[in-house]
PDB file of N, CA and C in Angstrom:
ATOM      1  N   MET A   1       6.195  44.422 -23.182  1.00  0.00           N
ATOM      2  CA  MET A   1       7.266  43.701 -22.931  1.00  0.00           C
ATOM      3  C   MET A   1       8.256  44.699 -22.089  1.00  0.00           C
ATOM      4  N   SER A   2       8.941  43.457 -20.914  1.00  0.00           N
ATOM      5  CA  SER A   2       9.642  44.255 -20.182  1.00  0.00           C
ATOM      6  C   SER A   2      11.235  45.036 -20.519  1.00  0.00           C
ATOM      7  N   SER A   3      11.053  46.359 -19.920  1.00  0.00           N
ATOM      8  CA  SER A   3      12.270  46.991 -20.061  1.00  0.00           C
ATOM      9  C   SER A   3      13.634  45.973 -19.539  1.00  0.00           C
ATOM     10  N   ILE A   4      13.255  45.194 -18.541  1.00  0.00           N
ATOM     11  CA  ILE A   4      14.127  44.506 -17.979  1.00  0.00           C
ATOM     12  C   ILE A   4      14.456  43.647 -19.179  1.00  0.00           C
ATOM     13  N   PHE A   5      14.175  43.213 -19.604  1.00  0.00           N
ATOM     14  CA  PHE A   5      14.392  42.083 -20.488  1.00  0.00           C
ATOM     15  C   PHE A   5      15.342  42.480 -21.524  1.00  0.00           C
ATOM     16  N   ILE A   6      15.062  43.922 -22.050  1.00  0.00           N
ATOM     17  CA  ILE A   6      16.077  44.813 -23.104  1.00  0.00           C
ATOM     18  C   ILE A   6      17.264  44.976 -22.294  1.00  0.00           C
ATOM     19  N   SER A   7      17.571  45.019 -21.099  1.00  0.00           N
ATOM     20  CA  SER A   7      18.387  45.338 -20.207  1.00  0.00           C
ATOM     21  C   SER A   7      19.181  44.239 -20.362  1.00  0.00           C
ATOM     22  N   GLU A   8      18.206  43.389 -19.646  1.00  0.00           N
ATOM     23  CA  GLU A   8      19.085  41.991 -19.497  1.00  0.00           C
ATOM     24  C   GLU A   8      19.839  41.124 -20.946  1.00  0.00           C
ATOM     25  N   THR A   9      19.082  41.461 -22.394  1.00  0.00           N
ATOM     26  CA  THR A   9      19.865  41.431 -23.119  1.00  0.00           C
ATOM     27  C   THR A   9      20.917  42.460 -23.671  1.00  0.00           C
ATOM     28  N   ARG A  10      20.797  43.241 -23.727  1.00  0.00           N
ATOM     29  CA  ARG A  10      22.156  44.211 -23.425  1.00  0.00           C
ATOM     30  C   ARG A  10      23.320  44.034 -22.926  1.00  0.00           C
ATOM     31  N   ALA A  11      23.640  43.736 -21.323  1.00  0.00           N
ATOM     32  CA  ALA A  11      24.163  42.942 -20.513  1.00  0.00           C
ATOM     33  C   ALA A  11      24.927  41.890 -21.238  1.00  0.00           C
ATOM     34  N   ARG A  12      23.986  41.182 -21.326  1.00  0.00           N
ATOM     35  CA  ARG A  12      24.421  40.189 -22.547  1.00  0.00           C
ATOM     36  C   ARG A  12      25.218  40.367 -23.618  1.00  0.00           C
ATOM     37  N   GLY A  13      25.923  41.751 -23.844  1.00  0.00           N
ATOM     38  CA  GLY A  13      26.524  41.694 -25.169  1.00  0.00           C
ATOM     39  C   GLY A  13      25.893  42.062 -26.170  1.00  0.00           C
ATOM     40  N   CYS A  14      24.588  41.134 -26.190  1.00  0.00           N
ATOM     41  CA  CYS A  14      23.309  41.358 -27.594  1.00  0.00           C
ATOM     42  C   CYS A  14      23.424  42.459 -28.275  1.00  0.00           C
ATOM     43  N   ARG A  15      23.269  43.014 -29.488  1.00  0.00           N
ATOM     44  CA  ARG A  15      22.681  44.063 -29.843  1.00  0.00           C
ATOM     45  C   ARG A  15      21.229  44.190 -29.619  1.00  0.00           C
ATOM     46  N   VAL A  16      20.231  45.538 -29.560  1.00  0.00           N
ATOM     47  CA  VAL A  16      19.249  45.615 -29.349  1.00  0.00           C
ATOM     48  C   VAL A  16      18.329  46.661 -30.536  1.00  0.00           C
ATOM     49  N   VAL A  17      17.835  46.129 -31.634  1.00  0.00           N
ATOM     50  CA  VAL A  17      17.173  46.904 -32.708  1.00  0.00           C
ATOM     51  C   VAL A  17      15.983  47.174 -33.066  1.00  0.00           C
ATOM     52  N   LEU A  18      15.576  48.550 -32.817  1.00  0.00           N
ATOM     53  CA  LEU A  18      14.325  48.099 -33.066  1.00  0.00           C
ATOM     54  C   LEU A  18      14.164  48.576 -34.750  1.00  0.00           C
ATOM     55  N   ALA A  19      13.410  47.190 -34.936  1.00  0.00           N
ATOM     56  CA  ALA A  19      12.672  47.019 -36.627  1.00  0.00           C
ATOM     57  C   ALA A  19      11.489  47.184 -36.662  1.00  0.00           C
ATOM     58  N   THR A  20      10.882  48.271 -37.381  1.00  0.00           N
ATOM     59  CA  THR A  20       9.697  48.313 -37.449  1.00  0.00           C
ATOM     60  C   THR A  20       9.331  48.958 -38.595  1.00  0.00           C
ATOM     61  N   ALA A  21       8.191  48.779 -39.173  1.00  0.00           N
ATOM     62  CA  ALA A  21       7.307  49.419 -40.362  1.00  0.00           C
ATOM     63  C   ALA A  21       7.240  50.865 -40.328  1.00  0.00           C
ATOM     64  N   SER A  22       6.790  51.506 -38.799  1.00  0.00           N
ATOM     65  CA  SER A  22       6.757  53.140 -38.692  1.00  0.00           C
ATOM     66  C   SER A  22       7.698  53.306 -39.773  1.00  0.00           C
ATOM     67  N   ASP A  23       7.289  54.946 -39.984  1.00  0.00           N
ATOM     68  CA  ASP A  23       8.416  55.778 -40.565  1.00  0.00           C
ATOM     69  C   ASP A  23       9.712  55.760 -39.948  1.00  0.00           C
ATOM     70  N   ALA A  24      10.692  56.239 -40.368  1.00  0.00           N
ATOM     71  CA  ALA A  24      11.830  56.257 -39.422  1.00  0.00           C
ATOM     72  C   ALA A  24      12.153  57.376 -38.447  1.00  0.00           C
ATOM     73  N   VAL A  25      11.169  58.737 -39.102  1.00  0.00           N
ATOM     74  CA  VAL A  25      11.107  59.683 -38.159  1.00  0.00           C
ATOM     75  C   VAL A  25      10.775  59.322 -36.634  1.00  0.00           C
ATOM     76  N   TRP A  26       9.302  58.278 -36.992  1.00  0.00           N
ATOM     77  CA  TRP A  26       9.167  58.497 -35.581  1.00  0.00           C
ATOM     78  C   TRP A  26       9.622  57.482 -34.719  1.00  0.00           C
ATOM     79  N   ALA A  27      10.082  56.078 -35.843  1.00  0.00           N
ATOM     80  CA  ALA A  27      11.339  55.616 -35.456  1.00  0.00           C
ATOM     81  C   ALA A  27      12.124  56.225 -34.319  1.00  0.00           C
ATOM     82  N   GLU A  28      13.231  56.690 -35.125  1.00  0.00           N
ATOM     83  CA  GLU A  28      14.082  57.296 -34.809  1.00  0.00           C
ATOM     84  C   GLU A  28      14.047  58.590 -33.228  1.00  0.00           C
ATOM     85  N   SER A  29      12.953  58.809 -33.112  1.00  0.00           N
ATOM     86  CA  SER A  29      12.355  59.851 -32.129  1.00  0.00           C
ATOM     87  C   SER A  29      12.003  58.862 -30.740  1.00  0.00           C
ATOM     88  N   ILE A  30      11.722  58.032 -31.044  1.00  0.00           N
ATOM     89  CA  ILE A  30      11.258  57.166 -30.230  1.00  0.00           C
ATOM     90  C   ILE A  30      12.379  56.292 -29.583  1.00  0.00           C
ATOM     91  N   ALA A  31      13.295  55.988 -30.633  1.00  0.00           N
ATOM     92  CA  ALA A  31      14.396  55.217 -29.753  1.00  0.00           C
ATOM     93  C   ALA A  31      15.486  56.569 -29.245  1.00  0.00           C
ATOM     94  N   ARG A  32      15.410  57.626 -29.608  1.00  0.00           N
ATOM     95  CA  ARG A  32      15.920  58.968 -28.822  1.00  0.00           C
ATOM     96  C   ARG A  32      15.270  58.703 -27.196  1.00  0.00           C
ATOM     97  N   HIS A  33      14.277  58.818 -27.560  1.00  0.00           N
ATOM     98  CA  HIS A  33      13.368  58.790 -26.042  1.00  0.00           C
ATOM     99  C   HIS A  33      13.816  58.174 -25.092  1.00  0.00           C
ATOM    100  N   VAL A  34      13.514  56.496 -25.642  1.00  0.00           N
ATOM    101  CA  VAL A  34      13.270  55.287 -24.594  1.00  0.00           C
ATOM    102  C   VAL A  34      15.221  55.344 -24.391  1.00  0.00           C
ATOM    103  N   ARG A  35      15.964  55.160 -25.286  1.00  0.00           N
ATOM    104  CA  ARG A  35      17.315  55.409 -24.950  1.00  0.00           C
ATOM    105  C   ARG A  35      17.668  53.484 -24.910  1.00  0.00           C
ATOM    106  N   CYS A  36      17.195  53.107 -25.287  1.00  0.00           N
ATOM    107  CA  CYS A  36      17.864  51.612 -25.314  1.00  0.00           C
ATOM    108  C   CYS A  36      17.750  50.632 -26.566  1.00  0.00           C
ATOM    109  N   PHE A  37      17.959  51.056 -27.492  1.00  0.00           N
ATOM    110  CA  PHE A  37      18.185  50.402 -29.001  1.00  0.00           C
ATOM    111  C   PHE A  37      19.882  51.121 -29.650  1.00  0.00           C
ATOM    112  N   ASP A  38      20.402  49.744 -29.836  1.00  0.00           N
ATOM    113  CA  ASP A  38      21.886  50.016 -30.654  1.00  0.00           C
ATOM    114  C   ASP A  38      20.967  51.002 -32.000  1.00  0.00           C
ATOM    115  N   ASP A  39      20.418  50.289 -32.408  1.00  0.00           N
ATOM    116  CA  ASP A  39      20.035  50.921 -34.103  1.00  0.00           C
ATOM    117  C   ASP A  39      18.962  50.887 -34.569  1.00  0.00           C
ATOM    118  N   VAL A  40      17.961  51.325 -35.175  1.00  0.00           N
ATOM    119  CA  VAL A  40      16.926  51.627 -35.963  1.00  0.00           C
ATOM    120  C   VAL A  40      17.189  51.229 -37.022  1.00  0.00           C
ATOM    121  N   LEU A  41      15.669  50.399 -37.781  1.00  0.00           N
ATOM    122  CA  LEU A  41      15.541  50.248 -39.023  1.00  0.00           C
ATOM    123  C   LEU A  41      14.171  50.274 -39.060  1.00  0.00           C
ATOM    124  N   ALA A  42      13.475  51.163 -39.856  1.00  0.00           N
ATOM    125  CA  ALA A  42      12.515  51.303 -40.185  1.00  0.00           C
ATOM    126  C   ALA A  42      12.191  51.788 -41.429  1.00  0.00           C
ATOM    127  N   SER A  43      10.715  51.965 -42.005  1.00  0.00           N
ATOM    128  CA  SER A  43      10.673  52.601 -43.467  1.00  0.00           C
ATOM    129  C   SER A  43      10.906  53.529 -43.674  1.00  0.00           C
ATOM    130  N   ASP A  44      10.868  54.218 -44.878  1.00  0.00           N
ATOM    131  CA  ASP A  44      11.907  55.288 -45.156  1.00  0.00           C
ATOM    132  C   ASP A  44      10.942  55.810 -46.521  1.00  0.00           C
ATOM    133  N   GLY A  45       9.640  55.728 -46.475  1.00  0.00           N
ATOM    134  CA  GLY A  45       9.736  55.951 -47.989  1.00  0.00           C
ATOM    135  C   GLY A  45       9.165  55.234 -49.059  1.00  0.00           C
ATOM    136  N   GLN A  46      10.304  54.999 -49.034  1.00  0.00           N
ATOM    137  CA  GLN A  46      11.182  53.723 -50.298  1.00  0.00           C
ATOM    138  C   GLN A  46      11.058  52.381 -50.608  1.00  0.00           C
ATOM    139  N   HIS A  47      11.588  51.688 -49.042  1.00  0.00           N
ATOM    140  CA  HIS A  47      11.311  50.705 -48.315  1.00  0.00           C
ATOM    141  C   HIS A  47      10.025  50.440 -47.292  1.00  0.00           C
ATOM    142  N   ASN A  48       9.701  49.643 -47.546  1.00  0.00           N
ATOM    143  CA  ASN A  48       8.216  48.985 -46.140  1.00  0.00           C
ATOM    144  C   ASN A  48       8.671  48.200 -45.553  1.00  0.00           C
ATOM    145  N   LEU A  49       8.988  48.221 -44.453  1.00  0.00           N
ATOM    146  CA  LEU A  49       9.645  47.029 -43.244  1.00  0.00           C
ATOM    147  C   LEU A  49       9.018  46.639 -42.672  1.00  0.00           C
ATOM    148  N   LYS A  50       7.692  46.189 -43.430  1.00  0.00           N
ATOM    149  CA  LYS A  50       6.483  45.288 -43.359  1.00  0.00           C
ATOM    150  C   LYS A  50       7.271  43.828 -43.613  1.00  0.00           C
ATOM    151  N   GLY A  51       6.936  42.434 -43.062  1.00  0.00           N
ATOM    152  CA  GLY A  51       7.072  41.207 -43.382  1.00  0.00           C
ATOM    153  C   GLY A  51       8.220  40.845 -44.002  1.00  0.00           C
ATOM    154  N   VAL A  52       7.895  40.470 -45.347  1.00  0.00           N
ATOM    155  CA  VAL A  52       9.501  40.111 -46.065  1.00  0.00           C
ATOM    156  C   VAL A  52      10.316  40.925 -46.381  1.00  0.00           C
ATOM    157  N   GLY A  53       9.820  42.356 -46.387  1.00  0.00           N
ATOM    158  CA  GLY A  53      11.010  43.843 -46.674  1.00  0.00           C
ATOM    159  C   GLY A  53      11.686  43.673 -45.234  1.00  0.00           C
ATOM    160  N   LYS A  54      10.681  43.957 -43.731  1.00  0.00           N
ATOM    161  CA  LYS A  54      11.788  43.759 -42.430  1.00  0.00           C
ATOM    162  C   LYS A  54      12.444  42.895 -42.587  1.00  0.00           C
ATOM    163  N   LEU A  55      12.168  41.572 -42.889  1.00  0.00           N
ATOM    164  CA  LEU A  55      13.059  40.392 -42.418  1.00  0.00           C
ATOM    165  C   LEU A  55      14.259  40.364 -43.602  1.00  0.00           C
ATOM    166  N   GLU A  56      14.154  40.826 -44.791  1.00  0.00           N
ATOM    167  CA  GLU A  56      15.229  41.307 -45.411  1.00  0.00           C
ATOM    168  C   GLU A  56      16.207  43.062 -45.095  1.00  0.00           C
ATOM    169  N   ALA A  57      15.954  43.460 -44.437  1.00  0.00           N
ATOM    170  CA  ALA A  57      16.616  44.298 -43.437  1.00  0.00           C
ATOM    171  C   ALA A  57      17.251  44.223 -42.732  1.00  0.00           C
ATOM    172  N   ILE A  58      16.157  42.994 -41.841  1.00  0.00           N
ATOM    173  CA  ILE A  58      17.500  42.432 -40.793  1.00  0.00           C
ATOM    174  C   ILE A  58      18.483  41.236 -40.886  1.00  0.00           C
ATOM    175  N   GLN A  59      18.181  40.852 -42.141  1.00  0.00           N
ATOM    176  CA  GLN A  59      19.289  40.240 -43.076  1.00  0.00           C
ATOM    177  C   GLN A  59      20.594  40.313 -43.454  1.00  0.00           C
ATOM    178  N   ALA A  60      19.776  41.638 -44.134  1.00  0.00           N
ATOM    179  CA  ALA A  60      21.630  42.846 -44.486  1.00  0.00           C
ATOM    180  C   ALA A  60      21.597  43.357 -43.349  1.00  0.00           C
ATOM    181  N   TYR A  61      21.005  43.780 -42.158  1.00  0.00           N
ATOM    182  CA  TYR A  61      21.764  44.280 -40.790  1.00  0.00           C
ATOM    183  C   TYR A  61      22.845  43.024 -39.988  1.00  0.00           C
ATOM    184  N   CYS A  62      22.718  42.153 -40.497  1.00  0.00           N
ATOM    185  CA  CYS A  62      23.566  40.801 -39.594  1.00  0.00           C
ATOM    186  C   CYS A  62      24.157  40.723 -40.772  1.00  0.00           C
ATOM    187  N   GLN A  63      24.393  40.925 -41.569  1.00  0.00           N
ATOM    188  CA  GLN A  63      25.245  40.422 -42.302  1.00  0.00           C
ATOM    189  C   GLN A  63      26.449  41.544 -42.567  1.00  0.00           C
ATOM    190  N   GLN A  64      25.749  42.807 -42.466  1.00  0.00           N
ATOM    191  CA  GLN A  64      26.811  44.192 -42.190  1.00  0.00           C
ATOM    192  C   GLN A  64      27.541  44.194 -40.922  1.00  0.00           C
ATOM    193  N   HIS A  65      26.742  43.318 -39.642  1.00  0.00           N
ATOM    194  CA  HIS A  65      27.255  43.138 -38.710  1.00  0.00           C
ATOM    195  C   HIS A  65      28.167  42.384 -38.110  1.00  0.00           C
ATOM    196  N   GLY A  66      28.355  41.090 -38.930  1.00  0.00           N
ATOM    197  CA  GLY A  66      28.996  39.958 -38.434  1.00  0.00           C
ATOM    198  C   GLY A  66      28.356  39.027 -37.672  1.00  0.00           C
ATOM    199  N   LEU A  67      26.736  38.984 -38.037  1.00  0.00           N
ATOM    200  CA  LEU A  67      25.892  38.357 -36.838  1.00  0.00           C
ATOM    201  C   LEU A  67      25.369  37.083 -37.460  1.00  0.00           C
ATOM    202  N   ALA A  68      25.279  35.954 -36.919  1.00  0.00           N
ATOM    203  CA  ALA A  68      25.250  34.639 -37.794  1.00  0.00           C
ATOM    204  C   ALA A  68      23.638  34.666 -36.909  1.00  0.00           C
ATOM    205  N   SER A  69      23.232  35.353 -36.248  1.00  0.00           N
ATOM    206  CA  SER A  69      21.627  34.858 -36.427  1.00  0.00           C
ATOM    207  C   SER A  69      21.033  36.421 -35.263  1.00  0.00           C
ATOM    208  N   PHE A  70      20.192  35.795 -35.400  1.00  0.00           N
ATOM    209  CA  PHE A  70      18.921  37.184 -34.761  1.00  0.00           C
ATOM    210  C   PHE A  70      17.838  36.668 -33.784  1.00  0.00           C
ATOM    211  N   ALA A  71      17.766  37.522 -32.832  1.00  0.00           N
ATOM    212  CA  ALA A  71      15.945  36.584 -31.872  1.00  0.00           C
ATOM    213  C   ALA A  71      15.088  37.800 -32.432  1.00  0.00           C
ATOM    214  N   TYR A  72      13.873  37.721 -32.277  1.00  0.00           N
ATOM    215  CA  TYR A  72      13.245  38.397 -33.105  1.00  0.00           C
ATOM    216  C   TYR A  72      11.686  38.711 -31.864  1.00  0.00           C
ATOM    217  N   ILE A  73      11.237  39.947 -31.796  1.00  0.00           N
ATOM    218  CA  ILE A  73      10.315  39.909 -31.375  1.00  0.00           C
ATOM    219  C   ILE A  73       9.411  40.834 -31.778  1.00  0.00           C
ATOM    220  N   GLY A  74       8.033  40.083 -32.092  1.00  0.00           N
ATOM    221  CA  GLY A  74       7.190  40.914 -32.648  1.00  0.00           C
ATOM    222  C   GLY A  74       5.484  40.570 -32.397  1.00  0.00           C
ATOM    223  N   ASP A  75       4.227  40.643 -32.927  1.00  0.00           N
ATOM    224  CA  ASP A  75       3.076  40.881 -32.333  1.00  0.00           C
ATOM    225  C   ASP A  75       2.197  40.828 -33.423  1.00  0.00           C
ATOM    226  N   ALA A  76       2.085  40.252 -34.341  1.00  0.00           N
ATOM    227  CA  ALA A  76       1.575  40.139 -35.515  1.00  0.00           C
ATOM    228  C   ALA A  76       1.297  38.932 -36.627  1.00  0.00           C
ATOM    229  N   MET A  77       1.145  38.661 -37.427  1.00  0.00           N
ATOM    230  CA  MET A  77       0.957  37.758 -38.604  1.00  0.00           C
ATOM    231  C   MET A  77       2.067  37.994 -39.717  1.00  0.00           C
ATOM    232  N   ALA A  78       2.198  39.593 -39.855  1.00  0.00           N
ATOM    233  CA  ALA A  78       2.970  39.665 -40.344  1.00  0.00           C
ATOM    234  C   ALA A  78       4.438  39.377 -40.058  1.00  0.00           C
ATOM    235  N   ASP A  79       4.390  39.180 -39.186  1.00  0.00           N
ATOM    236  CA  ASP A  79       5.764  38.966 -38.483  1.00  0.00           C
ATOM    237  C   ASP A  79       6.074  37.263 -38.728  1.00  0.00           C
ATOM    238  N   LEU A  80       5.558  36.381 -38.914  1.00  0.00           N
ATOM    239  CA  LEU A  80       5.799  35.411 -38.973  1.00  0.00           C
ATOM    240  C   LEU A  80       6.833  35.353 -40.300  1.00  0.00           C
ATOM    241  N   PRO A  81       7.520  35.652 -41.783  1.00  0.00           N
ATOM    242  CA  PRO A  81       8.714  35.145 -42.355  1.00  0.00           C
ATOM    243  C   PRO A  81       9.990  35.420 -41.321  1.00  0.00           C
ATOM    244  N   ILE A  82       9.861  36.662 -40.521  1.00  0.00           N
ATOM    245  CA  ILE A  82      11.196  36.619 -39.380  1.00  0.00           C
ATOM    246  C   ILE A  82      11.051  35.961 -38.400  1.00  0.00           C
ATOM    247  N   TRP A  83       9.821  35.683 -37.971  1.00  0.00           N
ATOM    248  CA  TRP A  83      10.037  34.549 -36.564  1.00  0.00           C
ATOM    249  C   TRP A  83      10.740  33.325 -37.091  1.00  0.00           C
ATOM    250  N   GLN A  84      10.146  33.085 -38.534  1.00  0.00           N
ATOM    251  CA  GLN A  84      10.598  31.436 -38.851  1.00  0.00           C
ATOM    252  C   GLN A  84      12.361  31.661 -39.736  1.00  0.00           C
ATOM    253  N   GLN A  85      13.010  32.785 -39.116  1.00  0.00           N
ATOM    254  CA  GLN A  85      14.233  32.291 -39.460  1.00  0.00           C
ATOM    255  C   GLN A  85      14.882  33.050 -38.583  1.00  0.00           C
ATOM    256  N   ALA A  86      13.889  33.264 -37.483  1.00  0.00           N
ATOM    257  CA  ALA A  86      14.662  33.844 -35.814  1.00  0.00           C
ATOM    258  C   ALA A  86      15.366  32.754 -35.419  1.00  0.00           C
ATOM    259  N   SER A  87      16.568  32.685 -34.821  1.00  0.00           N
ATOM    260  CA  SER A  87      16.910  32.337 -33.563  1.00  0.00           C
ATOM    261  C   SER A  87      16.062  31.405 -32.570  1.00  0.00           C
ATOM    262  N   GLN A  88      15.550  32.619 -32.057  1.00  0.00           N
ATOM    263  CA  GLN A  88      14.808  33.034 -30.332  1.00  0.00           C
ATOM    264  C   GLN A  88      13.374  33.801 -31.352  1.00  0.00           C
ATOM    265  N   VAL A  89      12.393  33.232 -31.201  1.00  0.00           N
ATOM    266  CA  VAL A  89      11.272  33.926 -31.019  1.00  0.00           C
ATOM    267  C   VAL A  89      10.085  34.483 -30.289  1.00  0.00           C
ATOM    268  N   TYR A  90      10.312  35.794 -29.910  1.00  0.00           N
ATOM    269  CA  TYR A  90       9.303  36.164 -28.997  1.00  0.00           C
ATOM    270  C   TYR A  90       8.296  36.889 -29.183  1.00  0.00           C
ATOM    271  N   VAL A  91       7.062  36.948 -28.571  1.00  0.00           N
ATOM    272  CA  VAL A  91       5.486  37.333 -29.256  1.00  0.00           C
ATOM    273  C   VAL A  91       5.528  38.247 -28.319  1.00  0.00           C
ATOM    274  N   VAL A  92       4.549  39.085 -28.029  1.00  0.00           N
ATOM    275  CA  VAL A  92       3.778  39.935 -27.236  1.00  0.00           C
ATOM    276  C   VAL A  92       2.297  39.997 -27.619  1.00  0.00           C
ATOM    277  N   SER A  93       1.996  39.739 -26.421  1.00  0.00           N
ATOM    278  CA  SER A  93      -0.031  39.477 -27.066  1.00  0.00           C
ATOM    279  C   SER A  93      -0.788  39.347 -27.489  1.00  0.00           C
ATOM    280  N   PRO A  94      -0.563  37.726 -27.972  1.00  0.00           N
ATOM    281  CA  PRO A  94      -0.835  37.345 -28.998  1.00  0.00           C
ATOM    282  C   PRO A  94      -2.323  36.850 -28.954  1.00  0.00           C
ATOM    283  N   SER A  95      -2.945  37.138 -30.374  1.00  0.00           N
ATOM    284  CA  SER A  95      -4.430  36.542 -30.008  1.00  0.00           C
ATOM    285  C   SER A  95      -4.290  35.168 -30.454  1.00  0.00           C
ATOM    286  N   PRO A  96      -5.156  34.401 -29.966  1.00  0.00           N
ATOM    287  CA  PRO A  96      -5.527  32.640 -29.450  1.00  0.00           C
ATOM    288  C   PRO A  96      -5.061  32.542 -31.259  1.00  0.00           C
ATOM    289  N   SER A  97      -5.461  32.476 -32.267  1.00  0.00           N
ATOM    290  CA  SER A  97      -5.294  32.649 -33.936  1.00  0.00           C
ATOM    291  C   SER A  97      -3.777  32.626 -34.212  1.00  0.00           C
ATOM    292  N   LEU A  98      -3.003  33.463 -33.523  1.00  0.00           N
ATOM    293  CA  LEU A  98      -1.186  33.864 -33.958  1.00  0.00           C
ATOM    294  C   LEU A  98      -0.802  32.830 -33.512  1.00  0.00           C
ATOM    295  N   LEU A  99      -1.110  32.636 -32.088  1.00  0.00           N
ATOM    296  CA  LEU A  99      -1.102  31.521 -31.102  1.00  0.00           C
ATOM    297  C   LEU A  99      -0.597  30.279 -31.498  1.00  0.00           C
ATOM    298  N   ARG A 100      -2.183  29.830 -32.239  1.00  0.00           N
ATOM    299  CA  ARG A 100      -2.129  28.380 -32.949  1.00  0.00           C
ATOM    300  C   ARG A 100      -1.063  28.667 -34.399  1.00  0.00           C
ATOM    301  N   VAL A 101      -1.314  29.416 -34.465  1.00  0.00           N
ATOM    302  CA  VAL A 101       0.047  29.633 -36.269  1.00  0.00           C
ATOM    303  C   VAL A 101       0.946  29.603 -35.883  1.00  0.00           C
ATOM    304  N   MET A 102       1.667  30.227 -35.173  1.00  0.00           N
ATOM    305  CA  MET A 102       2.874  29.948 -34.367  1.00  0.00           C
ATOM    306  C   MET A 102       3.362  28.470 -33.889  1.00  0.00           C
ATOM    307  N   GLN A 103       2.401  28.210 -32.878  1.00  0.00           N
ATOM    308  CA  GLN A 103       2.839  26.764 -31.900  1.00  0.00           C
ATOM    309  C   GLN A 103       3.005  26.091 -33.474  1.00  0.00           C
ATOM    310  N   ARG A 104       2.818  25.885 -34.770  1.00  0.00           N
ATOM    311  CA  ARG A 104       2.755  24.882 -35.850  1.00  0.00           C
ATOM    312  C   ARG A 104       4.421  25.495 -36.907  1.00  0.00           C
ATOM    313  N   GLN A 105       4.389  26.173 -36.526  1.00  0.00           N
ATOM    314  CA  GLN A 105       5.098  27.166 -37.457  1.00  0.00           C
ATOM    315  C   GLN A 105       6.752  27.285 -36.783  1.00  0.00           C
ATOM    316  N   CYS A 106       6.815  28.399 -35.558  1.00  0.00           N
ATOM    317  CA  CYS A 106       7.761  28.679 -35.075  1.00  0.00           C
ATOM    318  C   CYS A 106       7.284  28.796 -33.732  1.00  0.00           C
ATOM    319  N   PRO A 107       7.311  27.876 -33.045  1.00  0.00           N
ATOM    320  CA  PRO A 107       6.932  27.960 -31.172  1.00  0.00           C
ATOM    321  C   PRO A 107       8.029  29.346 -30.540  1.00  0.00           C
ATOM    322  N   PRO A 108       7.616  29.817 -29.921  1.00  0.00           N
ATOM    323  CA  PRO A 108       8.029  30.917 -29.127  1.00  0.00           C
ATOM    324  C   PRO A 108       8.487  30.298 -28.024  1.00  0.00           C
ATOM    325  N   THR A 109       9.603  31.286 -27.970  1.00  0.00           N
ATOM    326  CA  THR A 109      10.930  30.616 -26.901  1.00  0.00           C
ATOM    327  C   THR A 109      10.173  31.567 -25.793  1.00  0.00           C
ATOM    328  N   ARG A 110       9.525  32.706 -26.066  1.00  0.00           N
ATOM    329  CA  ARG A 110       8.778  33.343 -24.578  1.00  0.00           C
ATOM    330  C   ARG A 110       7.409  34.261 -25.184  1.00  0.00           C
ATOM    331  N   ILE A 111       6.603  34.257 -24.302  1.00  0.00           N
ATOM    332  CA  ILE A 111       5.360  35.197 -24.392  1.00  0.00           C
ATOM    333  C   ILE A 111       5.753  36.256 -23.599  1.00  0.00           C
ATOM    334  N   PHE A 112       5.709  37.108 -23.692  1.00  0.00           N
ATOM    335  CA  PHE A 112       5.411  38.275 -22.916  1.00  0.00           C
ATOM    336  C   PHE A 112       3.670  38.599 -23.188  1.00  0.00           C
ATOM    337  N   GLU A 113       2.693  38.683 -22.181  1.00  0.00           N
ATOM    338  CA  GLU A 113       1.723  39.770 -21.921  1.00  0.00           C
ATOM    339  C   GLU A 113       1.989  40.022 -21.966  1.00  0.00           C
ATOM    340  N   PRO A 114       0.468  41.157 -21.938  1.00  0.00           N
ATOM    341  CA  PRO A 114       0.259  42.386 -21.571  1.00  0.00           C
ATOM    342  C   PRO A 114      -0.232  43.097 -19.811  1.00  0.00           C
ATOM    343  N   ARG A 115       0.679  43.959 -19.571  1.00  0.00           N
ATOM    344  CA  ARG A 115       0.273  44.298 -17.731  1.00  0.00           C
ATOM    345  C   ARG A 115      -1.337  43.920 -17.599  1.00  0.00           C
TER     346      ARG A 115
END
């Protein structure tokens, strides 16, 4: 995925949040290193932010910040529940089977291919 896309998104005034099932220690370290995220949502040993758990965390974040909708960038079948609720659906390097499912359930707004 392009850092230009993230920069353009932030320039439009959108918040960019790293939402990951990875542990918060790793996620926050990455976020500090790349310096392009406004916030981090990550697993913490008690809550696993994969699939529906991540969707619930994103929805809670949106409610806390007064956001009516969210866009989501993902790359796996586990992201389907999130894409189904997202206003914009972005996918990175989808497998053919993932893309077929997405076309039926939540057509992508944009597909990011690997470089």
